[in-house]
Protein backbone atom coordinates (compact mmCIF):
# COMPACT_ATOMS: atom_id res chain seq x y z
CA MET A 1 -0.02 -0.02 0.00
CA SER A 2 1.12 3.65 -0.38
CA ALA A 3 2.17 5.59 2.61
CA PRO A 4 -0.39 8.02 4.05
CA PRO A 5 0.62 11.65 3.42
CA GLY A 6 3.29 12.68 5.91
CA ALA A 7 3.52 9.23 7.46
CA GLY A 8 6.82 8.27 9.01
CA ILE A 9 8.26 5.05 10.33
CA LEU A 10 7.26 5.95 13.88
CA GLN A 11 3.65 6.81 12.93
CA ARG A 12 0.69 4.63 12.15
CA PRO A 13 0.55 2.22 10.42
CA TYR A 14 4.26 1.46 10.77
CA LEU A 15 5.00 2.16 14.44
CA LEU A 16 4.70 -1.39 15.87
CA VAL A 17 6.69 -2.94 13.03
CA THR A 18 9.50 -0.31 13.43
CA VAL A 19 9.73 -0.84 17.19
CA GLY A 20 9.77 -4.62 16.86
CA ALA A 21 12.29 -4.77 14.06
CA CYS A 22 14.61 -2.23 15.73
CA ALA A 23 14.48 -4.23 18.94
CA LEU A 24 15.88 -7.24 17.11
CA VAL A 25 18.59 -5.12 15.55
CA PHE A 26 19.38 -3.80 19.01
CA LEU A 27 19.77 -7.37 20.25
CA ALA A 28 22.10 -8.39 17.47
CA ALA A 29 24.12 -5.19 17.93
CA PHE A 30 24.57 -5.69 21.66
CA GLU A 31 25.66 -9.29 21.17
CA SER A 32 28.16 -8.37 18.43
CA LEU A 33 29.83 -5.50 20.30
CA ALA A 34 29.84 -7.30 23.66
CA VAL A 35 31.30 -10.58 22.37
CA THR A 36 33.98 -8.77 20.34
CA THR A 37 35.00 -6.97 23.50
CA VAL A 38 35.37 -10.07 25.67
CA MET A 39 36.70 -12.59 23.17
CA PRO A 40 40.35 -11.76 23.96
CA VAL A 41 39.54 -12.65 27.63
CA VAL A 42 37.80 -15.87 26.54
CA SER A 43 40.74 -16.83 24.33
CA ARG A 44 43.24 -16.22 27.09
CA GLU A 45 41.27 -18.10 29.76
CA LEU A 46 40.49 -21.11 27.62
CA GLY A 47 43.78 -21.25 25.73
CA GLY A 48 42.01 -20.63 22.45
CA ALA A 49 44.27 -18.30 20.55
CA GLY A 50 44.29 -20.72 17.58
CA LEU A 51 40.51 -20.60 17.43
CA TYR A 52 40.12 -16.83 17.90
CA ALA A 53 39.44 -16.10 14.24
CA LEU A 54 37.15 -19.13 13.93
CA ALA A 55 34.99 -17.83 16.82
CA PHE A 56 34.12 -14.85 14.56
CA ALA A 57 34.31 -16.40 11.13
CA GLY A 58 32.33 -19.47 12.13
CA PRO A 59 28.99 -17.74 12.87
CA LEU A 60 29.38 -15.71 9.65
CA ALA A 61 29.80 -18.91 7.69
CA THR A 62 26.84 -20.75 9.23
CA GLY A 63 24.87 -17.55 8.86
CA VAL A 64 25.05 -18.08 5.10
CA VAL A 65 22.96 -21.23 5.49
CA GLY A 66 20.48 -19.39 7.64
CA MET A 67 20.25 -16.57 5.10
CA VAL A 68 19.46 -18.90 2.17
CA GLY A 69 16.90 -20.83 4.15
CA ALA A 70 15.25 -17.64 5.47
CA GLY A 71 15.16 -16.03 2.01
CA ASN A 72 13.61 -19.10 0.45
CA TRP A 73 11.17 -19.53 3.29
CA SER A 74 10.22 -15.82 3.11
CA ASP A 75 9.60 -16.03 -0.67
CA ARG A 76 7.24 -18.98 -0.05
CA ARG A 77 5.36 -18.12 3.08
CA GLY A 78 6.32 -14.58 4.13
CA PRO A 79 8.94 -13.46 6.72
CA ILE A 80 7.09 -14.17 9.97
CA GLY A 81 7.95 -17.88 10.39
CA PRO A 82 11.60 -17.40 9.52
CA LEU A 83 11.83 -14.47 11.89
CA LEU A 84 10.46 -16.32 14.88
CA ALA A 85 12.51 -19.43 14.23
CA SER A 86 15.74 -17.37 13.75
CA VAL A 87 15.33 -15.64 17.12
CA ALA A 88 14.92 -19.01 18.85
CA VAL A 89 18.06 -20.47 17.19
CA PHE A 90 20.00 -17.28 17.92
CA ALA A 91 19.19 -17.55 21.67
CA LEU A 92 20.05 -21.28 21.73
CA GLY A 93 23.55 -20.54 20.37
CA LEU A 94 24.09 -17.93 23.06
CA LEU A 95 23.08 -20.42 25.77
CA VAL A 96 25.59 -22.95 24.43
CA ALA A 97 28.41 -20.43 24.29
CA GLY A 98 27.48 -18.94 27.68
CA THR A 99 27.69 -22.33 29.40
CA ALA A 100 30.86 -23.47 27.59
CA GLY A 101 33.91 -24.73 29.44
CA THR A 102 36.25 -25.05 26.43
CA MET A 103 37.03 -22.87 23.43
CA TRP A 104 35.63 -25.55 21.15
CA ALA A 105 32.31 -25.34 22.97
CA VAL A 106 32.32 -21.55 22.60
CA VAL A 107 32.88 -21.96 18.89
CA ALA A 108 30.00 -24.54 18.68
CA GLY A 109 27.70 -22.09 20.35
CA ARG A 110 28.81 -19.35 18.01
CA LEU A 111 28.10 -21.57 14.98
CA VAL A 112 24.50 -22.09 16.16
CA GLN A 113 24.11 -18.43 16.96
CA GLY A 114 25.32 -17.47 13.51
CA LEU A 115 22.78 -19.71 11.88
CA GLY A 116 19.97 -17.85 13.69
CA GLY A 117 21.45 -14.43 13.24
CA GLY A 118 21.89 -14.87 9.51
CA ALA A 119 18.25 -15.93 9.06
CA MET A 120 17.04 -13.06 11.22
CA THR A 121 18.80 -10.51 9.11
CA VAL A 122 17.21 -11.65 5.89
CA ALA A 123 13.75 -11.95 7.45
CA LEU A 124 13.95 -8.34 8.65
CA TYR A 125 14.90 -7.08 5.20
CA VAL A 126 11.90 -8.89 3.69
CA VAL A 127 9.70 -7.33 6.40
CA VAL A 128 10.94 -3.94 5.31
CA ALA A 129 10.27 -4.68 1.64
CA ARG A 130 6.75 -5.89 2.32
CA VAL A 131 5.65 -3.26 4.81
CA TYR A 132 7.27 0.02 4.03
CA PRO A 133 6.89 1.97 0.76
CA PRO A 134 10.18 2.75 -1.07
CA VAL A 135 10.12 6.39 0.11
CA LEU A 136 10.55 5.21 3.69
CA HIS A 137 13.30 2.65 3.02
CA PRO A 138 16.17 5.09 3.65
CA LYS A 139 14.52 6.06 7.01
CA ILE A 140 13.96 2.51 8.26
CA PHE A 141 17.49 1.47 7.34
CA ALA A 142 18.76 4.58 9.12
CA ALA A 143 16.70 3.49 12.11
CA PHE A 144 18.38 0.03 11.99
CA SER A 145 21.76 1.75 12.12
CA ALA A 146 20.60 4.02 14.94
CA ALA A 147 19.53 0.94 16.88
CA TRP A 148 23.24 0.32 17.33
CA VAL A 149 23.67 3.57 19.25
CA ILE A 150 22.62 2.44 22.72
CA PRO A 151 24.44 -0.91 22.50
CA SER A 152 27.52 0.95 21.29
CA LEU A 153 27.38 3.28 24.30
CA VAL A 154 26.88 0.60 26.95
CA GLY A 155 27.66 -2.71 25.26
CA PRO A 156 31.48 -2.80 25.11
CA PHE A 157 31.92 -1.07 28.44
CA ALA A 158 29.33 -3.24 30.17
CA ALA A 159 30.77 -6.44 28.63
CA GLY A 160 34.27 -5.55 29.77
CA LEU A 161 33.05 -4.70 33.25
CA VAL A 162 31.07 -7.93 33.56
CA ALA A 163 34.07 -9.94 32.37
CA GLN A 164 36.31 -8.25 34.94
CA LEU A 165 33.87 -8.35 37.92
CA ALA A 166 32.02 -11.57 37.27
CA SER A 167 32.72 -13.82 34.30
CA TRP A 168 32.67 -13.60 30.54
CA HIS A 169 30.03 -16.34 30.60
CA TRP A 170 27.42 -13.75 31.68
CA VAL A 171 28.16 -11.66 28.63
CA PHE A 172 26.59 -14.41 26.49
CA LEU A 173 23.88 -15.37 29.00
CA GLY A 174 22.92 -11.78 29.61
CA VAL A 175 22.17 -11.29 25.93
CA VAL A 176 19.80 -14.25 26.09
CA VAL A 177 17.78 -12.34 28.59
CA LEU A 178 17.21 -9.61 26.02
CA VAL A 179 15.41 -12.06 23.75
CA LEU A 180 12.23 -11.97 25.86
CA PRO A 181 11.63 -8.22 25.81
CA ALA A 182 12.57 -8.09 22.13
CA LEU A 183 9.97 -10.71 21.30
CA ALA A 184 7.47 -8.94 23.57
CA MET A 185 7.88 -5.80 21.51
CA LEU A 186 7.91 -7.68 18.22
CA LEU A 187 4.82 -9.89 18.62
CA PRO A 188 2.27 -7.01 18.37
CA ALA A 189 4.06 -5.96 15.19
CA LEU A 190 3.85 -9.39 13.69
CA ARG A 191 0.08 -9.32 13.99
CA GLY A 192 0.11 -6.41 11.61
CA VAL A 193 2.17 -7.92 8.85
CA ARG A 194 0.59 -9.97 6.12
CA SER A 195 2.42 -13.12 5.06
CA GLY A 196 1.41 -12.65 1.43
CA ASN A 197 3.56 -11.38 -1.35
CA ALA A 198 4.01 -7.64 -1.78
CA ASN A 199 2.03 -5.96 -4.47
CA GLY A 200 3.41 -4.86 -7.83
CA ASN A 201 5.00 -1.78 -6.38
CA GLY A 202 7.05 -3.76 -3.91
CA ASN A 203 5.04 -2.55 -0.86
CA GLY A 204 3.40 -4.76 1.70
CA ASN A 205 0.25 -4.33 3.71
CA VAL A 206 -0.21 -3.41 7.35
CA ASN A 207 -3.47 -4.59 8.90
CA GLY A 208 -4.19 -5.24 12.51
CA ASN A 209 -6.37 -8.19 11.61
CA ALA A 210 -3.96 -9.82 9.12
CA ASN A 211 -3.40 -13.52 9.21
CA VAL A 212 0.24 -14.24 9.77
CA ASN A 213 -0.07 -17.91 9.06
CA GLY A 214 -1.33 -17.69 5.49
CA ALA A 215 0.67 -18.57 2.43
CA ASP A 216 1.95 -16.11 -0.06
CA ALA A 217 -0.53 -14.62 -2.46
CA GLY A 218 -0.15 -16.81 -5.44
CA GLY A 219 -0.07 -20.04 -3.37
CA GLY A 220 3.55 -20.16 -2.41
CA GLN A 221 4.86 -20.14 -5.99
CA ALA A 222 8.49 -20.16 -5.00
CA PRO A 223 9.69 -23.77 -4.61
CA TRP A 224 11.93 -25.02 -1.84
CA ALA A 225 15.44 -24.35 -3.07
CA LEU A 226 17.20 -27.37 -1.62
CA GLY A 227 20.01 -26.96 -4.16
CA ARG A 228 20.74 -23.42 -2.89
CA LEU A 229 20.76 -24.71 0.70
CA ALA A 230 23.34 -27.38 -0.33
CA TRP A 231 25.55 -24.75 -1.99
CA ALA A 232 25.23 -22.59 1.16
CA ALA A 233 26.27 -25.51 3.35
CA LEU A 234 29.28 -26.23 1.06
CA ALA A 235 30.32 -22.55 1.23
CA ALA A 236 30.06 -22.62 5.03
CA LEU A 237 32.14 -25.82 5.22
CA ALA A 238 34.76 -24.32 2.95
CA VAL A 239 35.11 -21.27 5.21
CA LEU A 240 35.41 -23.53 8.28
CA GLY A 241 38.06 -25.53 6.37
CA LEU A 242 39.96 -22.38 5.57
CA ASN A 243 39.95 -21.46 9.29
CA LEU A 244 41.37 -24.86 10.25
CA SER A 245 43.99 -25.06 7.52
CA SER A 246 46.55 -23.09 9.59
CA GLY A 247 46.75 -26.09 11.96
CA LEU A 248 48.12 -28.30 9.17
CA PRO A 249 51.64 -27.02 8.46
CA ALA A 250 52.29 -29.35 5.53
CA ALA A 251 49.05 -29.37 3.68
CA GLY A 252 47.74 -26.08 5.07
CA PRO A 253 48.45 -23.79 2.04
CA LEU A 254 46.96 -26.33 -0.37
CA LEU A 255 43.88 -26.76 1.81
CA ALA A 256 43.49 -23.04 2.14
CA GLY A 257 43.63 -22.42 -1.51
CA ALA A 258 41.16 -25.24 -2.23
CA ALA A 259 38.79 -23.86 0.43
CA VAL A 260 38.74 -20.39 -1.15
CA VAL A 261 38.03 -21.82 -4.58
CA ILE A 262 35.22 -24.06 -3.27
CA ALA A 263 33.68 -21.18 -1.34
CA LEU A 264 33.59 -18.93 -4.39
CA LEU A 265 32.18 -21.68 -6.59
CA ALA A 266 29.55 -22.57 -4.04
CA VAL A 267 28.40 -19.01 -3.55
CA ARG A 268 27.81 -18.34 -7.30
CA PRO A 269 24.33 -19.89 -7.40
CA LEU A 270 23.39 -17.86 -4.34
CA MET A 271 24.07 -14.52 -6.01
CA PRO A 272 22.66 -12.60 -8.96
CA PRO A 273 24.48 -13.49 -12.21
CA GLY A 274 27.63 -11.45 -12.68
CA THR A 275 28.24 -10.75 -8.98
CA LEU A 276 31.77 -12.22 -8.85
CA THR A 277 32.73 -10.40 -12.03
CA ALA A 278 31.43 -7.06 -10.79
CA ARG A 279 28.77 -6.55 -13.48
CA ARG A 280 27.24 -3.07 -13.27
CA GLY A 281 24.12 -2.58 -11.18
CA LEU A 282 22.72 -5.08 -8.68
CA PRO A 283 25.62 -7.61 -9.01
CA SER A 284 28.14 -4.90 -8.12
CA VAL A 285 25.92 -3.69 -5.24
CA ILE A 286 26.03 -7.19 -3.77
CA LEU A 287 29.77 -7.57 -4.37
CA ILE A 288 30.65 -4.21 -2.81
CA ARG A 289 28.64 -5.10 0.26
CA GLY A 290 30.86 -8.16 0.73
CA LEU A 291 34.11 -6.31 0.17
CA VAL A 292 33.33 -3.45 2.51
CA ALA A 293 32.18 -5.97 5.21
CA ALA A 294 35.34 -8.03 4.72
CA GLY A 295 37.62 -5.00 5.16
CA PHE A 296 35.75 -3.45 8.05
CA PHE A 297 34.97 -6.55 10.19
CA GLY A 298 38.24 -8.29 9.38
CA ALA A 299 40.05 -5.38 10.96
CA GLU A 300 37.55 -4.54 13.70
CA VAL A 301 37.78 -7.85 15.60
CA TYR A 302 41.50 -7.37 16.01
CA LEU A 303 41.44 -3.77 17.32
CA PRO A 304 40.39 -4.70 20.90
CA TYR A 305 42.90 -7.59 20.71
CA LEU A 306 45.59 -5.09 19.66
CA LEU A 307 44.80 -2.70 22.47
CA VAL A 308 44.79 -5.46 25.10
CA GLU A 309 47.99 -7.20 23.92
CA ARG A 310 50.14 -4.26 22.67
CA TYR A 311 48.87 -1.32 24.76
CA ALA A 312 47.82 -3.10 27.97
CA PHE A 313 44.30 -1.77 27.82
CA SER A 314 41.71 -3.47 30.03
CA PRO A 315 38.86 -5.18 28.17
CA THR A 316 36.55 -2.48 29.38
CA PHE A 317 38.44 0.38 27.77
CA ALA A 318 39.52 -1.61 24.70
CA GLY A 319 35.79 -2.03 23.94
CA LEU A 320 35.33 1.74 23.76
CA THR A 321 37.04 1.54 20.37
CA LEU A 322 33.91 -0.22 19.08
CA THR A 323 31.74 2.39 20.79
CA GLY A 324 33.28 5.25 18.81
CA GLY A 325 32.90 3.34 15.54
CA ALA A 326 29.32 2.38 16.18
CA LEU A 327 28.32 5.92 17.17
CA ALA A 328 29.82 7.26 13.97
CA TRP A 329 28.04 4.55 12.01
CA ALA A 330 24.68 5.63 13.41
CA ALA A 331 25.42 9.35 12.97
CA ALA A 332 26.52 8.94 9.35
CA SER A 333 23.48 6.76 8.66
CA GLY A 334 21.20 9.47 9.99
CA ILE A 335 22.95 12.12 7.87
CA GLN A 336 22.58 10.11 4.63
CA SER A 337 18.91 9.61 5.46
CA ARG A 338 18.30 13.37 5.84
CA LEU A 339 20.25 14.17 2.73
CA GLY A 340 18.05 11.84 0.67
CA GLY A 341 18.41 12.46 -3.05
CA ARG A 342 20.88 15.31 -2.50
CA LEU A 343 23.55 12.59 -1.96
CA GLY A 344 23.28 9.96 -4.63
CA SER A 345 23.59 6.34 -3.56
CA PRO A 346 26.65 5.63 -5.79
CA ALA A 347 28.44 8.66 -4.31
CA ALA A 348 27.60 7.56 -0.75
CA VAL A 349 29.02 4.11 -1.45
CA ARG A 350 32.24 5.53 -2.92
CA ILE A 351 32.79 7.97 -0.06
CA GLY A 352 31.97 5.37 2.59
CA SER A 353 34.25 2.70 1.22
CA LEU A 354 37.16 5.23 0.95
CA MET A 355 36.62 6.17 4.63
CA VAL A 356 36.91 2.52 5.67
CA LEU A 357 40.16 2.16 3.68
CA LEU A 358 41.70 5.27 5.35
CA ALA A 359 40.74 4.01 8.85
CA ILE A 360 42.38 0.62 8.24
CA ALA A 361 45.45 2.42 6.92
CA LEU A 362 45.64 4.38 10.17
CA ALA A 363 45.41 1.16 12.19
CA LEU A 364 48.22 -0.33 10.10
CA VAL A 365 50.49 2.74 10.51
CA THR A 366 49.79 2.76 14.25
CA THR A 367 50.82 -0.88 14.54
CA ALA A 368 53.86 -0.67 12.31
CA LEU A 369 55.31 2.54 13.68
CA GLY A 370 54.27 2.18 17.28
CA TRP A 371 52.14 5.28 17.22
CA PRO A 372 49.77 6.04 20.19
CA ALA A 373 46.68 3.90 20.38
CA ALA A 374 44.58 7.04 20.08
CA VAL A 375 45.39 7.22 16.35
CA ALA A 376 43.83 3.80 15.67
CA ILE A 377 40.92 4.53 17.94
CA ALA A 378 40.20 7.87 16.17
CA GLY A 379 40.65 6.14 12.84
CA TRP A 380 37.96 3.68 13.66
CA VAL A 381 35.47 6.43 14.19
CA LEU A 382 36.21 7.31 10.51
CA ALA A 383 35.55 3.65 9.58
CA GLY A 384 32.22 3.68 11.35
CA GLY A 385 31.20 6.86 9.53
CA GLY A 386 32.05 5.20 6.20
CA MET A 387 29.91 2.16 7.01
CA GLY A 388 27.07 4.42 8.05
CA LEU A 389 27.15 6.11 4.63
CA ALA A 390 27.62 2.95 2.48
CA TYR A 391 25.51 0.29 4.19
CA PRO A 392 22.08 1.90 4.12
CA ARG A 393 22.48 2.96 0.54
CA LEU A 394 23.57 -0.54 -0.51
CA SER A 395 20.42 -1.87 1.21
CA VAL A 396 18.20 0.71 -0.52
CA MET A 397 19.68 -0.09 -3.93
CA THR A 398 19.20 -3.81 -3.41
CA LEU A 399 15.49 -3.45 -2.69
CA ALA A 400 15.08 -0.86 -5.42
CA LEU A 401 16.50 -3.31 -8.00
CA SER A 402 14.35 -6.20 -6.79
CA THR A 403 10.92 -7.33 -7.77
CA PRO A 404 8.34 -8.73 -5.31
CA ASP A 405 9.28 -12.36 -6.16
CA THR A 406 13.02 -11.72 -5.82
CA GLU A 407 12.99 -9.71 -2.57
CA GLY A 408 13.85 -12.77 -0.51
CA PHE A 409 16.56 -14.01 -2.89
CA ASN A 410 18.23 -10.62 -3.33
CA SER A 411 18.01 -9.74 0.39
CA SER A 412 19.55 -13.16 1.06
CA ALA A 413 22.28 -12.56 -1.52
CA MET A 414 23.15 -9.20 0.00
CA SER A 415 23.35 -10.70 3.52
CA ILE A 416 25.33 -13.71 2.23
CA SER A 417 27.84 -11.39 0.58
CA ASP A 418 28.08 -9.48 3.79
CA SER A 419 28.64 -12.55 5.98
CA LEU A 420 30.73 -14.62 3.58
CA GLY A 421 32.95 -11.65 2.82
CA GLY A 422 33.53 -11.15 6.56
CA ALA A 423 34.00 -14.88 7.13
CA LEU A 424 36.58 -15.31 4.41
CA ALA A 425 38.45 -12.24 5.57
CA LEU A 426 38.47 -13.41 9.18
CA ALA A 427 39.62 -16.82 8.13
CA ALA A 428 42.41 -15.31 6.07
CA THR A 429 43.39 -12.88 8.83
CA GLY A 430 43.53 -15.79 11.30
CA ILE A 431 46.03 -17.57 9.03
CA VAL A 432 48.05 -14.38 8.62
CA PHE A 433 47.99 -13.65 12.37
CA THR A 434 49.38 -17.08 13.31
CA ALA A 435 51.99 -17.07 10.48
CA PHE A 436 54.20 -14.49 12.09
CA THR A 437 56.45 -14.95 15.09
CA THR A 438 56.05 -11.49 16.66
CA THR A 439 52.87 -9.80 17.87
CA ALA A 440 53.65 -6.60 16.01
CA ALA A 441 54.10 -8.46 12.70
CA SER A 442 50.93 -10.44 13.30
CA PHE A 443 48.73 -7.35 13.69
CA ALA A 444 50.46 -5.52 10.90
CA GLY A 445 49.83 -8.49 8.56
CA VAL A 446 46.13 -8.46 9.44
CA PHE A 447 45.76 -4.80 8.69
CA VAL A 448 47.69 -5.04 5.41
CA LEU A 449 45.34 -7.77 4.22
CA THR A 450 42.15 -5.90 5.22
CA ALA A 451 43.52 -2.72 3.67
CA VAL A 452 43.96 -4.54 0.34
CA ILE A 453 40.36 -5.74 0.54
CA ALA A 454 39.10 -2.27 1.34
CA ALA A 455 41.12 -0.85 -1.59
CA ALA A 456 39.31 -3.35 -3.86
CA ALA A 457 35.97 -2.03 -2.63
CA VAL A 458 37.01 1.53 -3.40
CA ALA A 459 38.13 0.54 -6.89
CA MET A 460 34.85 -1.26 -7.71
CA ALA A 461 32.47 1.10 -5.97
CA PRO A 462 31.68 3.18 -9.14
CA ARG A 463 30.18 0.05 -10.73
CA VAL A 464 27.13 0.09 -8.46
CA ALA A 465 25.61 2.64 -10.90
CA HIS A 466 24.13 1.48 -14.15
């Protein structure tokens, strides 16, 4: 349906959907920032330095399977079922990690958590496509970014404090507690979302009496894509194999190369044609999303680690690095929303990707030359601003270039590119980090690799325009 004149995302008929969706984004944001903050402590306590990268890459890899499943399920039956199931799986993974006594158990919980988190992301994008008219898409995606603000203010600091005063276990278990209020806010919104396909304009319907259990209009025309699920599982296994290849000194390089090739081959059927060759338009939008994510998240998870190991920061204050980046992300997202058409989406993507590259370069120079930690911390504010400019516009372009029957597939492809790019980058940085004999060289190697990835994003960013 079309938006009532002057309607906003916090006005009827969108208020409940906005509150519920942003609550879930808040939950995922808190978990991400909190776990990144305490993982150096977990690794040290459980002797899991060799599994550090896997603890981050693993959930991104399994998230690919969740994304494909949720996208297919959403195209068949609407986003409500996938959304509820994904929240349950997400919480289960947190319980497993929070009660873990070994690093392998932590990784296992993270794998389950990633499966649910990936599915939740896609389901939320389909909710946006089916509920909000295109004119409100920049605002709801800006609201998603803003939902990171409160977690970024309290998440890293609170996680570090809990780890110091109690135990890192409660960082995972505490996030589980947030599931209940998030669902309590979301359930009223779900009653107002039809399960049926969006209309020809790509807009959904909001109706307080809608039936959330009905099939898509058109009788669930999209078939179950078991082949895509199999390809997603193969891509996830390849990423996990890449992470573990560093533990095999003799065959490790060969296994790593094979894992990358398999992952790229497996992901091709999950993307629009031409994605891996950077074809102009939607394929390049999807590709740039993965490259920017790979550069940003590949570097971000090592920043608290750097501050703890090289600069003797406590986990509490090391986490403040993430706070600055997240605040800048939310602020830049709000700015791009207010600018609207005055800042073209291709320009926003180019500027944002360049800011990420410059921030990683500052982290690299800080590590290599022994500069004060404040340089890298300030640089990460720049990176957050870049993500806040680029990410919402990439989301807007993906939905704008989708039709009602491809919203699930394209939303899934965007999220897969996001997660698989980050997973491959984290796997590769894990190999690089363990390949050097000194801490300084290890961190420098990580930032060199992520800078190269970010530079590729900058070079290809102009191709998002037709």
